């Protein structure tokens, strides 16, 4: 058995405690890299291990801490580590101590082949076409073109956040952005009207984007967008949206408010894994849900239906 195989029993227990917004990236150096929101929201940690399961016991390394004041001084959320054109990048969200909900997306860069060596340089804010609440940026490459996808409040301020996509002109600059999803179904509007936490899976000739919806209590759930891999991904018409959530609270499994996921694979590439966060209980005060630290990271294997769509439930 491959040491990275996730068993049915592994799916029933958290992979790592108090690791919200989990992002796992399998690099060509053979390591799995793991980033997440720490309970204190004050730093960026990275773990690495030779298997997904071993990430649970891997030593966290702090590579950056929040500023004392001003931008990047509060609510350090959802860091994602990526390797682009020979350099490491971390995309993360942060607010201000003076204005905690002034959330924007920021970038760190490290030219070292080993992200635990060298130095992480602040590259500034990811500039969207307008300035508003913006978080949960992920990046991916399809057909040789890099894209960014993120959550942002629209200029019309109609909801808490919607999803946008854009081609990347460089790892720190995006082009014209396109709206590809906004909260419209009841399951996307419980507590708050939210589309956030996009993650990308390219399989079976399609580009899939999962995202999270509603408030961060047991209402939190996962939606799905899909497009043909040869389509113009910056054309909103290319995207098809599932009218129902693809992963939601399961009392039977003891998983409440699942969402904000990432994707990785077994070492041999034979299995795809969903890494997501959830709480092990339902009751949480919606006003303080973000400060309840018990959003744990979980992992499960992905299967596919007859049309090539991923199955998460």
C-alpha atoms as a PDB file:
ATOM      1  CA  UNK A   1       0.000   0.000   0.000  1.00  0.00           C
ATOM      2  CA  UNK A   2       1.242   3.463  -0.861  1.00  0.00           C
ATOM      3  CA  UNK A   3       2.059   5.348   2.365  1.00  0.00           C
ATOM      4  CA  UNK A   4      -0.088   8.285   1.239  1.00  0.00           C
ATOM      5  CA  UNK A   5      -3.240   6.215   0.822  1.00  0.00           C
ATOM      6  CA  UNK A   6      -6.188   7.580   2.788  1.00  0.00           C
ATOM      7  CA  UNK A   7      -8.412   4.830   4.121  1.00  0.00           C
ATOM      8  CA  UNK A   8     -12.093   4.875   4.951  1.00  0.00           C
ATOM      9  CA  UNK A   9     -11.155   5.009   8.634  1.00  0.00           C
ATOM     10  CA  UNK A  10      -8.906   8.038   8.035  1.00  0.00           C
ATOM     11  CA  UNK A  11     -11.875   9.880   6.566  1.00  0.00           C
ATOM     12  CA  UNK A  12     -13.776   9.575   9.856  1.00  0.00           C
ATOM     13  CA  UNK A  13     -11.212  11.477  11.934  1.00  0.00           C
ATOM     14  CA  UNK A  14      -9.664  14.942  11.474  1.00  0.00           C
ATOM     15  CA  UNK A  15      -6.311  15.095   9.733  1.00  0.00           C
ATOM     16  CA  UNK A  16      -5.149  18.059  11.829  1.00  0.00           C
ATOM     17  CA  UNK A  17      -6.863  19.934  14.655  1.00  0.00           C
ATOM     18  CA  UNK A  18      -7.618  23.663  14.532  1.00  0.00           C
ATOM     19  CA  UNK A  19      -6.374  24.081  10.969  1.00  0.00           C
ATOM     20  CA  UNK A  20      -9.095  26.016   9.170  1.00  0.00           C
ATOM     21  CA  UNK A  21      -8.936  26.796   5.442  1.00  0.00           C
ATOM     22  CA  UNK A  22      -6.533  23.901   4.745  1.00  0.00           C
ATOM     23  CA  UNK A  23      -4.391  24.006   1.627  1.00  0.00           C
ATOM     24  CA  UNK A  24      -2.215  21.015   0.679  1.00  0.00           C
ATOM     25  CA  UNK A  25       0.184  21.243  -2.253  1.00  0.00           C
ATOM     26  CA  UNK A  26       2.169  18.235  -3.541  1.00  0.00           C
ATOM     27  CA  UNK A  27       5.447  19.529  -4.985  1.00  0.00           C
ATOM     28  CA  UNK A  28       7.950  17.954  -7.366  1.00  0.00           C
ATOM     29  CA  UNK A  29      10.476  17.656  -4.511  1.00  0.00           C
ATOM     30  CA  UNK A  30       8.317  14.864  -3.106  1.00  0.00           C
ATOM     31  CA  UNK A  31       6.927  16.836  -0.160  1.00  0.00           C
ATOM     32  CA  UNK A  32       3.345  17.701   0.660  1.00  0.00           C
ATOM     33  CA  UNK A  33       3.175  21.334   1.850  1.00  0.00           C
ATOM     34  CA  UNK A  34       0.376  22.333   4.205  1.00  0.00           C
ATOM     35  CA  UNK A  35      -0.839  25.857   4.999  1.00  0.00           C
ATOM     36  CA  UNK A  36      -3.938  26.937   6.935  1.00  0.00           C
ATOM     37  CA  UNK A  37      -5.433  29.665   9.132  1.00  0.00           C
ATOM     38  CA  UNK A  38      -4.040  29.440  12.647  1.00  0.00           C
ATOM     39  CA  UNK A  39      -6.577  29.882  15.490  1.00  0.00           C
ATOM     40  CA  UNK A  40      -4.946  33.193  16.496  1.00  0.00           C
ATOM     41  CA  UNK A  41      -5.057  34.589  12.923  1.00  0.00           C
ATOM     42  CA  UNK A  42      -1.678  36.219  13.580  1.00  0.00           C
ATOM     43  CA  UNK A  43       0.885  34.308  11.478  1.00  0.00           C
ATOM     44  CA  UNK A  44       1.512  32.054   8.506  1.00  0.00           C
ATOM     45  CA  UNK A  45       2.723  28.536   9.212  1.00  0.00           C
ATOM     46  CA  UNK A  46       3.889  25.904   6.742  1.00  0.00           C
ATOM     47  CA  UNK A  47       4.244  22.188   7.392  1.00  0.00           C
ATOM     48  CA  UNK A  48       5.663  19.554   5.098  1.00  0.00           C
ATOM     49  CA  UNK A  49       5.786  15.772   5.099  1.00  0.00           C
ATOM     50  CA  UNK A  50       6.260  12.798   2.769  1.00  0.00           C
ATOM     51  CA  UNK A  51       2.626  11.776   3.058  1.00  0.00           C
ATOM     52  CA  UNK A  52      -0.701  13.481   3.562  1.00  0.00           C
ATOM     53  CA  UNK A  53      -1.302  11.595   6.811  1.00  0.00           C
ATOM     54  CA  UNK A  54       2.112  12.600   8.179  1.00  0.00           C
ATOM     55  CA  UNK A  55       1.169  16.296   7.912  1.00  0.00           C
ATOM     56  CA  UNK A  56      -0.753  15.832  11.163  1.00  0.00           C
ATOM     57  CA  UNK A  57       2.484  15.423  13.119  1.00  0.00           C
ATOM     58  CA  UNK A  58       4.770  17.592  10.994  1.00  0.00           C
ATOM     59  CA  UNK A  59       6.398  20.509  12.798  1.00  0.00           C
ATOM     60  CA  UNK A  60       4.863  23.888  11.858  1.00  0.00           C
ATOM     61  CA  UNK A  61       7.380  26.480  10.699  1.00  0.00           C
ATOM     62  CA  UNK A  62       6.381  30.139  11.062  1.00  0.00           C
ATOM     63  CA  UNK A  63       7.491  31.959   7.918  1.00  0.00           C
ATOM     64  CA  UNK A  64       5.743  35.300   8.496  1.00  0.00           C
ATOM     65  CA  UNK A  65       3.956  37.193  11.302  1.00  0.00           C
ATOM     66  CA  UNK A  66       1.370  39.960  11.142  1.00  0.00           C
ATOM     67  CA  UNK A  67       2.308  43.615  11.353  1.00  0.00           C
ATOM     68  CA  UNK A  68       1.665  45.584  14.531  1.00  0.00           C
ATOM     69  CA  UNK A  69      -0.575  48.131  12.805  1.00  0.00           C
ATOM     70  CA  UNK A  70      -1.833  49.074   9.355  1.00  0.00           C
ATOM     71  CA  UNK A  71      -2.321  46.653   6.464  1.00  0.00           C
ATOM     72  CA  UNK A  72      -1.594  42.988   7.224  1.00  0.00           C
ATOM     73  CA  UNK A  73      -2.031  43.478  10.967  1.00  0.00           C
ATOM     74  CA  UNK A  74      -5.282  41.562  11.661  1.00  0.00           C
ATOM     75  CA  UNK A  75      -7.263  38.514  10.504  1.00  0.00           C
ATOM     76  CA  UNK A  76      -4.467  36.646   8.741  1.00  0.00           C
ATOM     77  CA  UNK A  77      -6.546  34.139   6.800  1.00  0.00           C
ATOM     78  CA  UNK A  78      -6.356  31.265   4.339  1.00  0.00           C
ATOM     79  CA  UNK A  79      -2.737  31.247   3.149  1.00  0.00           C
ATOM     80  CA  UNK A  80      -2.050  29.160   0.044  1.00  0.00           C
ATOM     81  CA  UNK A  81       1.453  28.131  -1.046  1.00  0.00           C
ATOM     82  CA  UNK A  82       2.210  27.737  -4.764  1.00  0.00           C
ATOM     83  CA  UNK A  83       5.319  27.271  -6.916  1.00  0.00           C
ATOM     84  CA  UNK A  84       5.284  29.391 -10.083  1.00  0.00           C
ATOM     85  CA  UNK A  85       8.105  29.907 -12.589  1.00  0.00           C
ATOM     86  CA  UNK A  86      10.824  28.790 -10.178  1.00  0.00           C
ATOM     87  CA  UNK A  87       9.672  30.774  -7.144  1.00  0.00           C
ATOM     88  CA  UNK A  88       7.414  30.139  -4.171  1.00  0.00           C
ATOM     89  CA  UNK A  89       4.391  32.347  -3.551  1.00  0.00           C
ATOM     90  CA  UNK A  90       1.934  32.571  -0.694  1.00  0.00           C
ATOM     91  CA  UNK A  91      -1.414  34.295  -1.254  1.00  0.00           C
ATOM     92  CA  UNK A  92      -3.319  35.236   1.888  1.00  0.00           C
ATOM     93  CA  UNK A  93      -5.978  37.578   3.229  1.00  0.00           C
ATOM     94  CA  UNK A  94      -5.462  40.178   5.935  1.00  0.00           C
ATOM     95  CA  UNK A  95      -7.174  43.138   7.568  1.00  0.00           C
ATOM     96  CA  UNK A  96      -6.023  46.080   9.674  1.00  0.00           C
ATOM     97  CA  UNK A  97      -5.871  46.306  13.463  1.00  0.00           C
ATOM     98  CA  UNK A  98      -7.593  49.680  13.072  1.00  0.00           C
ATOM     99  CA  UNK A  99     -10.241  48.188  10.753  1.00  0.00           C
ATOM    100  CA  UNK A 100     -10.362  44.371  11.095  1.00  0.00           C
ATOM    101  CA  UNK A 101     -12.825  43.907   8.220  1.00  0.00           C
ATOM    102  CA  UNK A 102     -10.740  45.833   5.713  1.00  0.00           C
ATOM    103  CA  UNK A 103      -9.782  42.483   4.202  1.00  0.00           C
ATOM    104  CA  UNK A 104      -7.585  42.367   1.111  1.00  0.00           C
ATOM    105  CA  UNK A 105      -5.351  39.808  -0.629  1.00  0.00           C
ATOM    106  CA  UNK A 106      -1.576  39.968  -0.157  1.00  0.00           C
ATOM    107  CA  UNK A 107       1.394  38.129  -1.627  1.00  0.00           C
ATOM    108  CA  UNK A 108       4.705  36.785  -0.290  1.00  0.00           C
ATOM    109  CA  UNK A 109       7.526  35.593  -2.573  1.00  0.00           C
ATOM    110  CA  UNK A 110      10.543  33.368  -1.930  1.00  0.00           C
ATOM    111  CA  UNK A 111      13.079  32.562  -4.706  1.00  0.00           C
ATOM    112  CA  UNK A 112      14.710  29.714  -2.767  1.00  0.00           C
ATOM    113  CA  UNK A 113      14.141  26.172  -4.122  1.00  0.00           C
ATOM    114  CA  UNK A 114      13.365  25.230  -0.513  1.00  0.00           C
ATOM    115  CA  UNK A 115      10.576  27.398   0.956  1.00  0.00           C
ATOM    116  CA  UNK A 116      11.965  26.772   4.458  1.00  0.00           C
ATOM    117  CA  UNK A 117      15.190  28.495   3.386  1.00  0.00           C
ATOM    118  CA  UNK A 118      15.823  31.868   1.806  1.00  0.00           C
ATOM    119  CA  UNK A 119      13.595  34.791   2.723  1.00  0.00           C
ATOM    120  CA  UNK A 120       9.953  35.668   2.181  1.00  0.00           C
ATOM    121  CA  UNK A 121       9.487  39.125   0.697  1.00  0.00           C
ATOM    122  CA  UNK A 122       6.219  41.039   0.863  1.00  0.00           C
ATOM    123  CA  UNK A 123       5.141  41.794  -2.709  1.00  0.00           C
ATOM    124  CA  UNK A 124       2.158  43.958  -1.839  1.00  0.00           C
ATOM    125  CA  UNK A 125      -1.558  43.679  -2.431  1.00  0.00           C
ATOM    126  CA  UNK A 126      -3.094  41.796  -5.341  1.00  0.00           C
ATOM    127  CA  UNK A 127      -4.759  44.584  -7.305  1.00  0.00           C
ATOM    128  CA  UNK A 128      -8.287  43.925  -8.520  1.00  0.00           C
ATOM    129  CA  UNK A 129     -10.188  46.271 -10.840  1.00  0.00           C
ATOM    130  CA  UNK A 130     -11.800  47.971  -7.835  1.00  0.00           C
ATOM    131  CA  UNK A 131     -10.945  48.125  -4.170  1.00  0.00           C
ATOM    132  CA  UNK A 132     -13.271  46.167  -1.888  1.00  0.00           C
ATOM    133  CA  UNK A 133     -13.407  43.259   0.559  1.00  0.00           C
ATOM    134  CA  UNK A 134     -11.278  40.546  -1.121  1.00  0.00           C
ATOM    135  CA  UNK A 135      -9.979  37.194   0.094  1.00  0.00           C
ATOM    136  CA  UNK A 136      -9.305  33.501  -0.593  1.00  0.00           C
ATOM    137  CA  UNK A 137      -7.203  33.812  -3.732  1.00  0.00           C
ATOM    138  CA  UNK A 138      -6.133  30.581  -5.386  1.00  0.00           C
ATOM    139  CA  UNK A 139      -4.084  30.187  -8.572  1.00  0.00           C
ATOM    140  CA  UNK A 140      -3.886  27.420 -11.163  1.00  0.00           C
ATOM    141  CA  UNK A 141      -2.498  26.629 -14.600  1.00  0.00           C
ATOM    142  CA  UNK A 142      -4.617  25.309 -17.478  1.00  0.00           C
ATOM    143  CA  UNK A 143      -3.314  24.784 -21.013  1.00  0.00           C
ATOM    144  CA  UNK A 144      -0.159  26.739 -20.166  1.00  0.00           C
ATOM    145  CA  UNK A 145      -2.042  29.810 -18.870  1.00  0.00           C
ATOM    146  CA  UNK A 146      -2.039  30.790 -15.202  1.00  0.00           C
ATOM    147  CA  UNK A 147      -5.285  32.035 -13.652  1.00  0.00           C
ATOM    148  CA  UNK A 148      -6.289  33.514 -10.322  1.00  0.00           C
ATOM    149  CA  UNK A 149      -9.690  32.941  -8.724  1.00  0.00           C
ATOM    150  CA  UNK A 150     -10.844  34.748  -5.603  1.00  0.00           C
ATOM    151  CA  UNK A 151     -13.783  36.038  -3.559  1.00  0.00           C
ATOM    152  CA  UNK A 152     -14.619  39.736  -3.571  1.00  0.00           C
ATOM    153  CA  UNK A 153     -17.470  42.086  -2.778  1.00  0.00           C
ATOM    154  CA  UNK A 154     -18.977  43.399  -5.987  1.00  0.00           C
ATOM    155  CA  UNK A 155     -19.069  47.118  -6.725  1.00  0.00           C
ATOM    156  CA  UNK A 156     -22.849  46.955  -6.309  1.00  0.00           C
ATOM    157  CA  UNK A 157     -22.333  45.559  -2.766  1.00  0.00           C
ATOM    158  CA  UNK A 158     -25.188  43.107  -3.333  1.00  0.00           C
ATOM    159  CA  UNK A 159     -23.717  40.346  -1.169  1.00  0.00           C
ATOM    160  CA  UNK A 160     -20.847  39.602   1.183  1.00  0.00           C
ATOM    161  CA  UNK A 161     -18.718  38.060  -1.552  1.00  0.00           C
ATOM    162  CA  UNK A 162     -18.846  36.629  -5.070  1.00  0.00           C
ATOM    163  CA  UNK A 163     -16.315  34.691  -7.153  1.00  0.00           C
ATOM    164  CA  UNK A 164     -14.101  36.184  -9.854  1.00  0.00           C
ATOM    165  CA  UNK A 165     -11.513  34.775 -12.235  1.00  0.00           C
ATOM    166  CA  UNK A 166      -8.752  36.449 -14.252  1.00  0.00           C
ATOM    167  CA  UNK A 167      -5.715  35.530 -16.288  1.00  0.00           C
ATOM    168  CA  UNK A 168      -2.472  36.229 -14.480  1.00  0.00           C
ATOM    169  CA  UNK A 169      -0.064  38.612 -16.159  1.00  0.00           C
ATOM    170  CA  UNK A 170       2.534  37.599 -13.566  1.00  0.00           C
ATOM    171  CA  UNK A 171       2.425  35.836 -10.177  1.00  0.00           C
ATOM    172  CA  UNK A 172       1.658  39.209  -8.586  1.00  0.00           C
ATOM    173  CA  UNK A 173      -0.606  40.807 -11.191  1.00  0.00           C
ATOM    174  CA  UNK A 174      -3.950  39.837 -12.698  1.00  0.00           C
ATOM    175  CA  UNK A 175      -5.728  41.015 -15.822  1.00  0.00           C
ATOM    176  CA  UNK A 176      -9.385  41.801 -16.449  1.00  0.00           C
ATOM    177  CA  UNK A 177     -11.619  39.988 -13.982  1.00  0.00           C
ATOM    178  CA  UNK A 178     -14.852  38.110 -14.698  1.00  0.00           C
ATOM    179  CA  UNK A 179     -17.700  37.323 -12.305  1.00  0.00           C
ATOM    180  CA  UNK A 180     -18.377  33.566 -12.421  1.00  0.00           C
ATOM    181  CA  UNK A 181     -20.618  33.017  -9.370  1.00  0.00           C
ATOM    182  CA  UNK A 182     -22.610  34.937  -6.790  1.00  0.00           C
ATOM    183  CA  UNK A 183     -24.934  33.792  -3.968  1.00  0.00           C
ATOM    184  CA  UNK A 184     -28.314  33.075  -5.489  1.00  0.00           C
ATOM    185  CA  UNK A 185     -29.602  29.815  -4.005  1.00  0.00           C
ATOM    186  CA  UNK A 186     -30.990  29.477  -0.488  1.00  0.00           C
ATOM    187  CA  UNK A 187     -28.069  27.266   0.601  1.00  0.00           C
ATOM    188  CA  UNK A 188     -25.657  30.061  -0.405  1.00  0.00           C
ATOM    189  CA  UNK A 189     -27.426  32.723   1.646  1.00  0.00           C
ATOM    190  CA  UNK A 190     -27.903  31.261   5.122  1.00  0.00           C
ATOM    191  CA  UNK A 191     -26.649  33.700   7.728  1.00  0.00           C
ATOM    192  CA  UNK A 192     -24.600  35.584   5.138  1.00  0.00           C
ATOM    193  CA  UNK A 193     -24.691  35.751   1.348  1.00  0.00           C
ATOM    194  CA  UNK A 194     -21.315  34.217   0.581  1.00  0.00           C
ATOM    195  CA  UNK A 195     -19.331  32.601  -2.204  1.00  0.00           C
ATOM    196  CA  UNK A 196     -15.708  32.180  -1.076  1.00  0.00           C
ATOM    197  CA  UNK A 197     -12.793  29.757  -0.752  1.00  0.00           C
ATOM    198  CA  UNK A 198     -12.447  28.626  -4.407  1.00  0.00           C
ATOM    199  CA  UNK A 199     -10.320  25.560  -5.156  1.00  0.00           C
ATOM    200  CA  UNK A 200      -9.513  24.087  -8.548  1.00  0.00           C
ATOM    201  CA  UNK A 201      -9.505  20.488  -9.791  1.00  0.00           C
ATOM    202  CA  UNK A 202      -8.745  19.727 -13.456  1.00  0.00           C
ATOM    203  CA  UNK A 203      -9.918  16.255 -14.436  1.00  0.00           C
ATOM    204  CA  UNK A 204     -11.760  14.399 -17.202  1.00  0.00           C
ATOM    205  CA  UNK A 205     -11.539  17.254 -19.688  1.00  0.00           C
ATOM    206  CA  UNK A 206     -13.102  19.754 -17.288  1.00  0.00           C
ATOM    207  CA  UNK A 207     -12.037  22.485 -14.897  1.00  0.00           C
ATOM    208  CA  UNK A 208     -13.915  22.219 -11.617  1.00  0.00           C
ATOM    209  CA  UNK A 209     -14.037  25.007  -9.036  1.00  0.00           C
ATOM    210  CA  UNK A 210     -15.423  24.213  -5.627  1.00  0.00           C
ATOM    211  CA  UNK A 211     -16.338  27.062  -3.322  1.00  0.00           C
ATOM    212  CA  UNK A 212     -17.902  27.633   0.082  1.00  0.00           C
ATOM    213  CA  UNK A 213     -21.236  29.274   0.802  1.00  0.00           C
ATOM    214  CA  UNK A 214     -23.282  30.746   3.692  1.00  0.00           C
ATOM    215  CA  UNK A 215     -22.186  31.557   7.248  1.00  0.00           C
ATOM    216  CA  UNK A 216     -19.318  29.740   8.968  1.00  0.00           C
ATOM    217  CA  UNK A 217     -21.559  27.664  11.239  1.00  0.00           C
ATOM    218  CA  UNK A 218     -23.270  24.372  10.363  1.00  0.00           C
ATOM    219  CA  UNK A 219     -24.844  26.158   7.353  1.00  0.00           C
ATOM    220  CA  UNK A 220     -21.453  26.334   5.632  1.00  0.00           C
ATOM    221  CA  UNK A 221     -21.337  24.060   2.595  1.00  0.00           C
ATOM    222  CA  UNK A 222     -19.569  23.497  -0.695  1.00  0.00           C
ATOM    223  CA  UNK A 223     -20.769  24.367  -4.194  1.00  0.00           C
ATOM    224  CA  UNK A 224     -19.371  23.424  -7.599  1.00  0.00           C
ATOM    225  CA  UNK A 225     -18.675  25.211 -10.882  1.00  0.00           C
ATOM    226  CA  UNK A 226     -17.488  23.440 -14.023  1.00  0.00           C
ATOM    227  CA  UNK A 227     -16.192  24.388 -17.464  1.00  0.00           C
ATOM    228  CA  UNK A 228     -14.700  22.565 -20.419  1.00  0.00           C
ATOM    229  CA  UNK A 229     -10.901  22.691 -20.135  1.00  0.00           C
ATOM    230  CA  UNK A 230     -10.693  24.078 -23.687  1.00  0.00           C
ATOM    231  CA  UNK A 231     -13.220  26.852 -23.075  1.00  0.00           C
ATOM    232  CA  UNK A 232     -12.457  30.502 -22.437  1.00  0.00           C
ATOM    233  CA  UNK A 233     -12.351  30.401 -18.660  1.00  0.00           C
ATOM    234  CA  UNK A 234     -12.660  34.177 -18.482  1.00  0.00           C
ATOM    235  CA  UNK A 235     -16.056  34.020 -20.199  1.00  0.00           C
ATOM    236  CA  UNK A 236     -18.801  33.685 -17.588  1.00  0.00           C
ATOM    237  CA  UNK A 237     -20.885  31.699 -20.090  1.00  0.00           C
ATOM    238  CA  UNK A 238     -18.283  28.909 -20.000  1.00  0.00           C
ATOM    239  CA  UNK A 239     -19.180  28.030 -16.405  1.00  0.00           C
ATOM    240  CA  UNK A 240     -21.972  25.739 -15.264  1.00  0.00           C
ATOM    241  CA  UNK A 241     -23.102  25.936 -11.632  1.00  0.00           C
ATOM    242  CA  UNK A 242     -24.566  23.113  -9.581  1.00  0.00           C
ATOM    243  CA  UNK A 243     -27.979  24.131  -8.189  1.00  0.00           C
ATOM    244  CA  UNK A 244     -27.370  22.042  -5.052  1.00  0.00           C
ATOM    245  CA  UNK A 245     -24.408  21.846  -2.655  1.00  0.00           C
ATOM    246  CA  UNK A 246     -21.944  19.028  -3.293  1.00  0.00           C
ATOM    247  CA  UNK A 247     -20.816  18.726   0.336  1.00  0.00           C
ATOM    248  CA  UNK A 248     -22.781  19.796   3.404  1.00  0.00           C
ATOM    249  CA  UNK A 249     -23.247  19.056   7.098  1.00  0.00           C
ATOM    250  CA  UNK A 250     -23.557  15.374   7.961  1.00  0.00           C
ATOM    251  CA  UNK A 251     -24.675  14.588  11.492  1.00  0.00           C
ATOM    252  CA  UNK A 252     -24.127  10.890  10.794  1.00  0.00           C
ATOM    253  CA  UNK A 253     -20.452  11.514  10.062  1.00  0.00           C
ATOM    254  CA  UNK A 254     -20.083  14.127  12.806  1.00  0.00           C
ATOM    255  CA  UNK A 255     -19.008  16.774  10.289  1.00  0.00           C
ATOM    256  CA  UNK A 256     -20.611  20.224  10.529  1.00  0.00           C
ATOM    257  CA  UNK A 257     -20.126  23.164   8.182  1.00  0.00           C
ATOM    258  CA  UNK A 258     -17.677  21.565   5.717  1.00  0.00           C
ATOM    259  CA  UNK A 259     -15.940  23.805   3.254  1.00  0.00           C
ATOM    260  CA  UNK A 260     -12.935  25.927   2.277  1.00  0.00           C
ATOM    261  CA  UNK A 261     -11.144  23.025   0.706  1.00  0.00           C
ATOM    262  CA  UNK A 262      -8.142  22.225  -1.464  1.00  0.00           C
ATOM    263  CA  UNK A 263      -7.205  19.263  -3.640  1.00  0.00           C
ATOM    264  CA  UNK A 264      -4.187  16.992  -3.680  1.00  0.00           C
ATOM    265  CA  UNK A 265      -3.321  13.483  -4.832  1.00  0.00           C
ATOM    266  CA  UNK A 266      -1.791  10.266  -3.594  1.00  0.00           C
ATOM    267  CA  UNK A 267       1.927  10.050  -4.252  1.00  0.00           C
ATOM    268  CA  UNK A 268       1.429   7.817  -7.283  1.00  0.00           C
ATOM    269  CA  UNK A 269      -1.387  10.013  -8.611  1.00  0.00           C
ATOM    270  CA  UNK A 270      -3.922   7.196  -8.607  1.00  0.00           C
ATOM    271  CA  UNK A 271      -6.246   8.876  -6.099  1.00  0.00           C
ATOM    272  CA  UNK A 272      -7.506  12.440  -5.723  1.00  0.00           C
ATOM    273  CA  UNK A 273      -8.066  13.806  -2.236  1.00  0.00           C
ATOM    274  CA  UNK A 274     -10.346  16.533  -0.932  1.00  0.00           C
ATOM    275  CA  UNK A 275      -8.865  18.408   2.041  1.00  0.00           C
ATOM    276  CA  UNK A 276     -11.437  20.579   3.803  1.00  0.00           C
ATOM    277  CA  UNK A 277     -12.330  21.996   7.192  1.00  0.00           C
ATOM    278  CA  UNK A 278     -15.334  21.268   9.395  1.00  0.00           C
ATOM    279  CA  UNK A 279     -16.334  21.313  13.033  1.00  0.00           C
ATOM    280  CA  UNK A 280     -17.154  18.150  15.006  1.00  0.00           C
ATOM    281  CA  UNK A 281     -20.272  19.786  16.490  1.00  0.00           C
ATOM    282  CA  UNK A 282     -23.194  21.884  15.268  1.00  0.00           C
ATOM    283  CA  UNK A 283     -23.789  24.474  17.962  1.00  0.00           C
ATOM    284  CA  UNK A 284     -21.790  27.658  17.541  1.00  0.00           C
ATOM    285  CA  UNK A 285     -22.698  31.314  18.084  1.00  0.00           C
ATOM    286  CA  UNK A 286     -22.928  32.806  14.606  1.00  0.00           C
ATOM    287  CA  UNK A 287     -21.708  36.163  15.926  1.00  0.00           C
ATOM    288  CA  UNK A 288     -18.474  34.544  17.098  1.00  0.00           C
ATOM    289  CA  UNK A 289     -18.187  31.574  14.740  1.00  0.00           C
ATOM    290  CA  UNK A 290     -14.948  32.809  13.204  1.00  0.00           C
ATOM    291  CA  UNK A 291     -13.359  32.846  16.650  1.00  0.00           C
ATOM    292  CA  UNK A 292     -14.345  29.305  17.513  1.00  0.00           C
ATOM    293  CA  UNK A 293     -10.992  27.564  16.907  1.00  0.00           C
ATOM    294  CA  UNK A 294     -12.322  24.071  16.273  1.00  0.00           C
ATOM    295  CA  UNK A 295     -12.510  24.051  12.513  1.00  0.00           C
ATOM    296  CA  UNK A 296     -10.342  21.004  11.881  1.00  0.00           C
ATOM    297  CA  UNK A 297      -8.770  19.810   8.644  1.00  0.00           C
ATOM    298  CA  UNK A 298     -10.242  16.579   7.248  1.00  0.00           C
ATOM    299  CA  UNK A 299      -9.374  14.551   4.155  1.00  0.00           C
ATOM    300  CA  UNK A 300     -11.352  12.143   1.993  1.00  0.00           C
ATOM    301  CA  UNK A 301     -10.936  10.357  -1.292  1.00  0.00           C
ATOM    302  CA  UNK A 302     -12.767  11.635  -4.377  1.00  0.00           C
ATOM    303  CA  UNK A 303     -14.708   9.403  -6.733  1.00  0.00           C
ATOM    304  CA  UNK A 304     -16.169  10.356 -10.112  1.00  0.00           C
ATOM    305  CA  UNK A 305     -19.584   9.755 -11.635  1.00  0.00           C
ATOM    306  CA  UNK A 306     -20.362   8.469 -15.119  1.00  0.00           C
ATOM    307  CA  UNK A 307     -20.045  11.973 -16.593  1.00  0.00           C
ATOM    308  CA  UNK A 308     -16.648  12.581 -15.006  1.00  0.00           C
ATOM    309  CA  UNK A 309     -17.865  14.883 -12.238  1.00  0.00           C
ATOM    310  CA  UNK A 310     -16.282  14.576  -8.786  1.00  0.00           C
ATOM    311  CA  UNK A 311     -18.374  13.056  -5.982  1.00  0.00           C
ATOM    312  CA  UNK A 312     -17.636  14.371  -2.496  1.00  0.00           C
ATOM    313  CA  UNK A 313     -20.523  13.214  -0.285  1.00  0.00           C
END
